[in-house]
Protein backbone atom coordinates (compact mmCIF):
# COMPACT_ATOMS: atom_id res chain seq x y z
CA UNK A 1 -0.70 31.36 -9.19
CA UNK A 2 0.49 28.37 -7.16
CA UNK A 3 4.13 27.42 -6.97
CA UNK A 4 3.17 23.73 -7.17
CA UNK A 5 0.18 21.71 -8.29
CA UNK A 6 0.23 18.19 -6.80
CA UNK A 7 -2.12 15.63 -8.31
CA UNK A 8 -3.12 12.93 -5.83
CA UNK A 9 -3.40 13.21 -2.03
CA UNK A 10 -2.10 9.77 -1.11
CA UNK A 11 1.27 9.14 0.51
CA UNK A 12 3.37 10.46 -2.38
CA UNK A 13 1.41 13.66 -2.92
CA UNK A 14 0.81 14.45 0.75
CA UNK A 15 4.44 13.91 1.80
CA UNK A 16 5.69 16.15 -1.02
CA UNK A 17 3.07 18.81 -0.24
CA UNK A 18 4.19 18.87 3.39
CA UNK A 19 7.90 19.01 2.53
CA UNK A 20 7.51 21.75 -0.08
CA UNK A 21 5.29 23.88 2.15
CA UNK A 22 7.29 23.47 5.37
CA UNK A 23 10.83 23.36 3.97
CA UNK A 24 10.62 25.60 0.91
CA UNK A 25 7.81 27.92 1.99
CA UNK A 26 6.16 27.62 -1.40
CA UNK A 27 2.44 27.44 -2.11
CA UNK A 28 0.87 24.09 -2.99
CA UNK A 29 -2.49 23.18 -4.47
CA UNK A 30 -3.12 19.51 -3.60
CA UNK A 31 -5.97 17.89 -5.53
CA UNK A 32 -7.62 14.47 -5.50
CA UNK A 33 -10.50 12.83 -7.33
CA UNK A 34 -11.86 11.38 -4.11
CA UNK A 35 -13.57 13.24 -1.29
CA UNK A 36 -10.72 12.72 1.20
CA UNK A 37 -6.95 12.82 1.58
CA UNK A 38 -4.99 9.65 2.30
CA UNK A 39 -5.44 7.74 -0.94
CA UNK A 40 -6.00 4.01 -0.52
CA UNK A 41 -4.82 4.16 3.11
CA UNK A 42 -7.88 6.21 4.11
CA UNK A 43 -9.75 4.95 7.15
CA UNK A 44 -12.98 6.10 8.76
CA UNK A 45 -15.50 5.19 11.44
CA UNK A 46 -18.52 3.33 10.10
CA UNK A 47 -22.06 3.66 11.41
CA UNK A 48 -21.25 1.17 14.16
CA UNK A 49 -18.38 3.37 15.44
CA UNK A 50 -15.78 0.85 14.25
CA UNK A 51 -12.68 2.16 12.49
CA UNK A 52 -12.36 0.46 9.08
CA UNK A 53 -10.08 0.84 6.08
CA UNK A 54 -12.29 1.82 3.15
CA UNK A 55 -9.93 0.31 0.57
CA UNK A 56 -8.81 -2.84 2.34
CA UNK A 57 -6.24 -3.41 5.10
CA UNK A 58 -3.12 -1.22 5.24
CA UNK A 59 -0.46 -2.35 7.70
CA UNK A 60 2.58 -0.13 8.15
CA UNK A 61 5.91 -1.95 8.21
CA UNK A 62 9.43 -0.86 7.32
CA UNK A 63 13.10 -1.32 8.11
CA UNK A 64 13.82 2.36 7.53
CA UNK A 65 14.05 4.29 10.81
CA UNK A 66 14.23 7.58 8.89
CA UNK A 67 10.76 6.98 7.44
CA UNK A 68 9.35 6.16 10.89
CA UNK A 69 10.91 9.35 12.25
CA UNK A 70 9.39 11.43 9.47
CA UNK A 71 5.86 10.06 9.86
CA UNK A 72 6.09 10.28 13.66
CA UNK A 73 5.78 14.05 13.34
CA UNK A 74 2.12 13.41 12.47
CA UNK A 75 1.08 10.40 14.55
CA UNK A 76 1.83 8.22 17.52
CA UNK A 77 1.90 4.48 16.95
CA UNK A 78 0.18 1.33 18.13
CA UNK A 79 2.46 -1.74 18.01
CA UNK A 80 0.98 -4.41 15.75
CA UNK A 81 2.43 -7.54 14.14
CA UNK A 82 0.36 -8.77 11.23
CA UNK A 83 -0.64 -12.42 11.04
CA UNK A 84 -2.50 -14.09 8.19
CA UNK A 85 -4.18 -17.48 7.92
CA UNK A 86 -5.08 -19.32 4.71
CA UNK A 87 -8.19 -21.49 4.39
CA UNK A 88 -6.70 -24.63 2.82
CA UNK A 89 -8.21 -28.11 2.78
CA UNK A 90 -10.74 -27.13 5.45
CA UNK A 91 -8.09 -25.81 7.85
CA UNK A 92 -6.86 -22.34 8.80
CA UNK A 93 -3.08 -22.45 8.33
CA UNK A 94 -0.32 -19.84 8.84
CA UNK A 95 0.65 -17.84 5.77
CA UNK A 96 3.46 -17.39 4.71
CA UNK A 97 4.18 -21.12 4.80
CA UNK A 98 6.19 -22.07 7.89
CA UNK A 99 6.90 -25.13 10.04
CA UNK A 100 3.44 -25.13 11.66
CA UNK A 101 1.76 -24.80 8.25
CA UNK A 102 3.29 -28.02 6.97
CA UNK A 103 2.93 -29.99 10.21
CA UNK A 104 -0.76 -29.10 10.58
CA UNK A 105 -1.55 -29.57 6.90
CA UNK A 106 -0.08 -33.07 6.67
CA UNK A 107 -0.33 -34.19 10.32
CA UNK A 108 3.45 -34.32 10.69
CA UNK A 109 5.91 -33.44 13.45
CA UNK A 110 8.87 -32.18 11.44
CA UNK A 111 11.75 -30.16 12.85
CA UNK A 112 13.17 -27.16 10.99
CA UNK A 113 15.98 -29.24 9.47
CA UNK A 114 13.52 -31.92 8.43
CA UNK A 115 11.33 -29.28 6.80
CA UNK A 116 14.32 -28.18 4.71
CA UNK A 117 14.60 -31.78 3.48
CA UNK A 118 10.82 -31.88 2.90
CA UNK A 119 10.97 -28.83 0.64
CA UNK A 120 14.09 -30.11 -1.14
CA UNK A 121 12.32 -33.35 -2.01
CA UNK A 122 9.36 -31.48 -3.55
CA UNK A 123 10.81 -28.45 -5.26
CA UNK A 124 11.21 -28.40 -9.01
CA UNK A 125 14.43 -27.47 -10.78
CA UNK A 126 14.04 -24.25 -12.75
CA UNK A 127 17.03 -23.07 -14.79
CA UNK A 128 16.07 -19.40 -14.65
CA UNK A 129 13.19 -18.21 -12.47
CA UNK A 130 11.12 -15.74 -14.45
CA UNK A 131 7.47 -16.16 -13.51
CA UNK A 132 5.38 -16.07 -10.33
CA UNK A 133 4.71 -19.80 -10.73
CA UNK A 134 8.41 -20.68 -11.05
CA UNK A 135 9.27 -18.80 -7.85
CA UNK A 136 7.00 -21.05 -5.82
CA UNK A 137 7.48 -24.44 -7.48
CA UNK A 138 11.27 -24.00 -7.31
CA UNK A 139 10.98 -23.32 -3.56
CA UNK A 140 8.25 -25.58 -2.15
CA UNK A 141 7.03 -27.69 -5.06
CA UNK A 142 3.88 -27.89 -7.12
CA UNK A 143 1.46 -29.35 -4.56
CA UNK A 144 1.90 -26.47 -2.12
CA UNK A 145 1.86 -24.05 -5.04
CA UNK A 146 -1.54 -25.41 -6.09
CA UNK A 147 -2.92 -25.29 -2.54
CA UNK A 148 -1.70 -21.86 -1.40
CA UNK A 149 -0.74 -19.75 -4.42
CA UNK A 150 -2.27 -20.63 -7.76
CA UNK A 151 -5.94 -20.03 -6.98
CA UNK A 152 -5.32 -16.89 -4.96
CA UNK A 153 -3.05 -15.40 -7.62
CA UNK A 154 -5.45 -16.21 -10.44
CA UNK A 155 -8.27 -14.48 -8.56
CA UNK A 156 -6.10 -11.50 -7.65
CA UNK A 157 -4.64 -10.86 -11.09
CA UNK A 158 -7.12 -12.45 -13.50
CA UNK A 159 -4.39 -14.52 -15.18
CA UNK A 160 -2.43 -17.65 -14.33
CA UNK A 161 0.76 -17.12 -12.27
CA UNK A 162 2.74 -18.59 -15.16
CA UNK A 163 1.96 -15.37 -17.06
CA UNK A 164 3.03 -12.97 -14.30
CA UNK A 165 6.40 -11.59 -13.28
CA UNK A 166 8.28 -13.36 -10.52
CA UNK A 167 7.90 -10.22 -8.39
CA UNK A 168 4.29 -11.20 -7.55
CA UNK A 169 5.12 -14.26 -5.43
CA UNK A 170 8.72 -13.35 -4.57
CA UNK A 171 7.23 -10.91 -2.04
CA UNK A 172 5.99 -13.82 0.10
CA UNK A 173 8.74 -15.66 2.04
CA UNK A 174 8.86 -19.35 2.96
CA UNK A 175 10.07 -20.13 6.49
CA UNK A 176 11.37 -23.27 8.13
CA UNK A 177 10.78 -21.98 11.69
CA UNK A 178 7.53 -21.16 13.50
CA UNK A 179 7.57 -17.41 12.85
CA UNK A 180 3.97 -16.71 11.80
CA UNK A 181 4.31 -12.96 11.28
CA UNK A 182 3.43 -11.88 7.75
CA UNK A 183 6.22 -9.29 7.72
CA UNK A 184 9.71 -9.53 9.15
CA UNK A 185 10.45 -5.80 9.22
CA UNK A 186 12.05 -4.06 12.19
CA UNK A 187 9.17 -1.60 12.57
CA UNK A 188 5.61 -2.93 12.49
CA UNK A 189 2.79 -0.74 13.79
CA UNK A 190 -0.39 1.21 13.07
CA UNK A 191 -1.09 4.94 13.39
CA UNK A 192 -2.71 5.25 16.80
CA UNK A 193 -5.39 7.66 15.64
CA UNK A 194 -5.80 6.17 12.18
CA UNK A 195 -4.31 6.99 8.79
CA UNK A 196 -6.78 9.77 7.93
CA UNK A 197 -5.83 11.82 10.99
CA UNK A 198 -2.16 11.35 10.19
CA UNK A 199 -2.74 12.69 6.67
CA UNK A 200 -4.78 15.62 7.95
CA UNK A 201 -1.95 16.67 10.26
CA UNK A 202 0.58 16.19 7.47
CA UNK A 203 -1.30 18.50 5.12
CA UNK A 204 -2.41 21.03 7.76
CA UNK A 205 -0.22 23.93 6.63
CA UNK A 206 -1.19 27.49 5.61
CA UNK A 207 0.71 27.12 2.32
CA UNK A 208 -1.28 24.01 1.31
CA UNK A 209 -4.70 24.38 -0.28
CA UNK A 210 -6.67 21.17 -0.84
CA UNK A 211 -9.30 20.60 -3.52
CA UNK A 212 -11.13 17.27 -3.33
CA UNK A 213 -13.42 15.62 -5.89
CA UNK A 214 -11.26 17.33 -8.48
CA UNK A 215 -9.97 15.73 -11.69
CA UNK A 216 -6.65 17.03 -13.00
CA UNK A 217 -7.75 16.77 -16.62
CA UNK A 218 -10.73 19.02 -15.94
CA UNK A 219 -8.78 21.82 -14.23
CA UNK A 220 -5.28 21.67 -15.77
CA UNK A 221 -6.03 24.51 -18.16
CA UNK A 222 -7.82 26.64 -15.54
CA UNK A 223 -5.25 26.62 -12.73
CA UNK A 224 -2.05 28.65 -12.83
CA UNK A 225 0.99 26.90 -11.39
CA UNK A 226 4.75 26.87 -11.90
CA UNK A 227 5.55 23.20 -11.41
CA UNK A 228 3.63 19.91 -11.28
CA UNK A 229 3.94 16.74 -9.23
CA UNK A 230 1.83 13.96 -10.71
CA UNK A 231 0.99 10.78 -8.75
CA UNK A 232 -1.86 9.47 -10.90
CA UNK A 233 -1.69 6.83 -13.66
CA UNK A 234 1.09 7.87 -16.02
CA UNK A 235 -0.86 6.80 -19.11
CA UNK A 236 -3.72 9.12 -18.16
CA UNK A 237 -1.33 12.07 -17.92
CA UNK A 238 -0.56 11.54 -21.62
CA UNK A 239 -4.24 10.89 -22.46
CA UNK A 240 -3.37 7.21 -23.14
CA UNK A 241 -1.85 8.20 -26.48
CA UNK A 242 0.29 5.03 -26.59
CA UNK A 243 -2.43 2.74 -25.24
CA UNK A 244 -3.87 2.10 -21.81
CA UNK A 245 -1.73 0.48 -19.10
CA UNK A 246 -3.56 -2.44 -17.44
CA UNK A 247 -4.39 -2.28 -13.74
CA UNK A 248 -6.29 -4.58 -11.42
CA UNK A 249 -8.93 -3.12 -9.19
CA UNK A 250 -10.88 -4.30 -6.16
CA UNK A 251 -14.51 -4.34 -5.11
CA UNK A 252 -15.05 -4.15 -1.36
CA UNK A 253 -18.02 -5.51 0.56
CA UNK A 254 -18.09 -3.98 4.05
CA UNK A 255 -20.30 -5.66 6.63
CA UNK A 256 -20.79 -5.58 10.40
CA UNK A 257 -21.79 -8.75 12.24
CA UNK A 258 -23.28 -9.40 15.67
CA UNK A 259 -20.33 -11.03 17.38
CA UNK A 260 -17.32 -9.68 19.21
CA UNK A 261 -14.77 -11.59 17.08
CA UNK A 262 -15.33 -13.23 13.70
CA UNK A 263 -11.93 -14.80 12.95
CA UNK A 264 -8.74 -15.43 14.93
CA UNK A 265 -6.54 -12.98 13.02
CA UNK A 266 -7.00 -9.78 11.04
CA UNK A 267 -6.84 -11.41 7.60
CA UNK A 268 -7.85 -14.84 6.32
CA UNK A 269 -6.96 -15.71 2.72
CA UNK A 270 -9.12 -17.95 0.53
CA UNK A 271 -6.86 -19.49 -2.14
CA UNK A 272 -9.07 -22.52 -2.90
CA UNK A 273 -12.68 -21.49 -2.42
CA UNK A 274 -14.95 -18.47 -2.65
CA UNK A 275 -14.98 -15.64 -5.19
CA UNK A 276 -13.30 -13.26 -2.75
CA UNK A 277 -9.59 -13.42 -1.99
CA UNK A 278 -9.65 -12.51 1.70
CA UNK A 279 -11.67 -11.32 4.68
CA UNK A 280 -10.32 -8.58 6.95
CA UNK A 281 -11.50 -8.00 10.52
CA UNK A 282 -10.37 -4.52 11.57
CA UNK A 283 -10.53 -4.72 15.36
CA UNK A 284 -7.40 -6.88 15.25
CA UNK A 285 -5.60 -3.98 13.56
CA UNK A 286 -6.94 -1.13 15.67
CA UNK A 287 -7.34 -2.74 19.09
CA UNK A 288 -10.87 -1.37 19.39
CA UNK A 289 -13.39 -2.87 21.80
CA UNK A 290 -16.93 -3.29 20.55
CA UNK A 291 -19.69 -5.84 20.97
CA UNK A 292 -19.94 -6.04 17.16
CA UNK A 293 -17.20 -6.43 14.57
CA UNK A 294 -16.70 -5.11 11.03
CA UNK A 295 -15.37 -7.09 8.08
CA UNK A 296 -14.34 -6.44 4.50
CA UNK A 297 -14.60 -9.01 1.71
CA UNK A 298 -12.31 -8.29 -1.27
CA UNK A 299 -13.25 -9.18 -4.84
CA UNK A 300 -10.58 -8.50 -7.50
CA UNK A 301 -11.84 -7.03 -10.77
CA UNK A 302 -10.69 -5.27 -13.92
CA UNK A 303 -13.27 -2.52 -13.40
CA UNK A 304 -12.83 0.41 -11.00
CA UNK A 305 -10.06 2.52 -9.54
CA UNK A 306 -6.54 1.38 -10.48
CA UNK A 307 -4.84 -0.41 -7.56
CA UNK A 308 -2.22 -2.82 -8.87
CA UNK A 309 -0.06 -2.47 -11.99
CA UNK A 310 -0.15 -5.85 -13.74
CA UNK A 311 3.46 -7.13 -13.85
CA UNK A 312 3.81 -8.63 -17.31
CA UNK A 313 6.63 -8.01 -19.85
CA UNK A 314 4.37 -6.35 -22.43
CA UNK A 315 3.02 -3.95 -19.79
CA UNK A 316 6.52 -3.05 -18.63
CA UNK A 317 7.49 -2.35 -22.24
CA UNK A 318 4.53 0.01 -22.67
CA UNK A 319 5.36 1.74 -19.39
CA UNK A 320 8.93 2.32 -20.60
CA UNK A 321 7.51 4.23 -23.57
CA UNK A 322 5.49 6.44 -21.24
CA UNK A 323 8.55 6.85 -19.00
CA UNK A 324 10.46 8.19 -22.01
CA UNK A 325 7.68 10.71 -22.64
CA UNK A 326 7.77 11.73 -18.97
CA UNK A 327 11.51 12.36 -19.14
CA UNK A 328 10.87 15.02 -21.77
CA UNK A 329 8.44 17.00 -19.58
CA UNK A 330 10.11 19.97 -17.89
CA UNK A 331 8.96 20.92 -14.40
CA UNK A 332 6.85 17.74 -14.04
CA UNK A 333 7.75 15.13 -11.42
CA UNK A 334 6.18 11.65 -11.62
CA UNK A 335 6.00 9.96 -8.21
CA UNK A 336 4.18 7.01 -6.61
CA UNK A 337 2.77 3.61 -7.48
CA UNK A 338 0.55 4.70 -10.38
CA UNK A 339 2.91 7.26 -11.89
CA UNK A 340 5.85 4.82 -11.96
CA UNK A 341 3.79 1.66 -12.62
CA UNK A 342 5.22 -0.22 -9.66
CA UNK A 343 3.65 -2.08 -6.76
CA UNK A 344 5.18 -0.30 -3.75
CA UNK A 345 4.50 -0.75 -0.06
CA UNK A 346 3.49 2.39 1.85
CA UNK A 347 6.97 2.93 3.31
CA UNK A 348 8.50 2.63 -0.15
CA UNK A 349 6.20 5.35 -1.47
CA UNK A 350 7.13 7.61 1.46
CA UNK A 351 10.80 6.90 0.77
CA UNK A 352 10.37 7.67 -2.91
CA UNK A 353 8.59 10.94 -2.09
CA UNK A 354 11.31 12.02 0.35
CA UNK A 355 14.00 11.12 -2.19
CA UNK A 356 12.13 13.15 -4.83
CA UNK A 357 12.05 16.11 -2.48
CA UNK A 358 15.79 15.74 -2.03
CA UNK A 359 16.23 15.97 -5.81
CA UNK A 360 13.95 19.01 -5.89
CA UNK A 361 16.10 20.69 -3.25
CA UNK A 362 19.29 19.96 -5.20
CA UNK A 363 17.77 21.03 -8.52
CA UNK A 364 15.66 24.07 -7.74
CA UNK A 365 16.75 27.15 -5.88
CA UNK A 366 14.26 28.64 -3.42
CA UNK A 367 13.21 32.17 -4.45
CA UNK A 368 14.79 34.68 -2.06
CA UNK A 369 11.46 36.19 -1.06
CA UNK A 370 10.22 32.94 0.44
CA UNK A 371 13.34 31.50 2.01
CA UNK A 372 12.54 29.60 5.21
CA UNK A 373 14.91 28.22 7.83
CA UNK A 374 15.44 24.45 7.55
CA UNK A 375 13.44 22.28 9.92
CA UNK A 376 15.08 19.04 10.97
CA UNK A 377 13.10 15.81 11.13
CA UNK A 378 12.98 14.82 14.81
CA UNK A 379 15.16 11.92 15.84
CA UNK A 380 12.56 10.56 18.26
CA UNK A 381 8.92 9.68 17.86
CA UNK A 382 6.93 12.33 19.66
CA UNK A 383 3.33 12.22 20.84
CA UNK A 384 1.13 14.69 19.03
CA UNK A 385 -1.99 14.63 21.14
CA UNK A 386 -1.71 18.38 21.53
CA UNK A 387 -2.09 18.93 17.79
CA UNK A 388 -5.55 19.82 16.47
CA UNK A 389 -7.72 16.92 15.40
CA UNK A 390 -8.60 16.70 11.73
CA UNK A 391 -12.09 16.94 10.36
CA UNK A 392 -12.21 14.07 7.90
CA UNK A 393 -12.97 11.43 10.51
CA UNK A 394 -15.99 12.02 12.69
CA UNK A 395 -16.43 9.25 15.21
CA UNK A 396 -20.19 8.88 15.67
CA UNK A 397 -19.49 6.98 18.88
């Protein structure tokens, strides 16, 4: 008998497993379909001894110091500010669009105030912004929308931006200065030893048992547990009785090439050409030194593991029906991107998991036989080199 069964060993499941085990002293069985913890953030060393992200680039960024403090119990950090270029009209241009993007694209020498006027002269009037297309054309106009957004979004989502929620493109800012960072958050960094080692340390607790390559639907009637935390697709939990929620997936092509550096930044987007959406070069993220370099080409697809909930009104309506079913399930907590059908950044998932644990603490008393003293989250980021190394990553170098 386990006190808790947690389905999914990504950020949501691993954070809640750690909190429940360390703060409540209760037993946790943490399961995952894959052969590793860490979910989509999992990284590993390839055969060339280069640290890569198996499921595409994951860059940690947040404005929440409390989330940094929590995760810093399990990793030290490498400062990193993410920069992205877009291959447009035969040039590599900063993305999100900024002052340098426009000046280099059109051979201009605009100032910031002149760029404001440039955008104002091109943007379209939209009475009420509802779609991903309307977000962009009402900000920078249709020509820049066609060059930088339409093709990329159609590849990524499989539908035209005019059919997607405004949330898709509202995530990408437009700047009138020369700030070429992709994110503007206060904290921007990478786990110094990689994500997988951070997850291993997070889940390294005697009250946590981990079962990998395990499907919840195959073991749910064979495992005894008191309460359930579910981080998988919410429609699968209910055996898709109301219909299947659409997700977009990705196919990754990982290659290593015989040069020290392939591209000037970690990620180059391809909104106009190629079947792939972007190329990632990982040494920019990790700071590794190697005579060779490893890349990942991303191809969006409808087939494969669910990555991105498709933000369309009919999908949101179907999710609301599943959400109503979930509300009627006692002792089941639905947490994370797939279980709540939302596209969250990593820090948002951590925040949601910590908030869920707070509700668990307020709702459920701890049995007297397993009461444990509270452990405060440290206020400073501490090195953890003295902690035991995990076993999921074996560096062949």
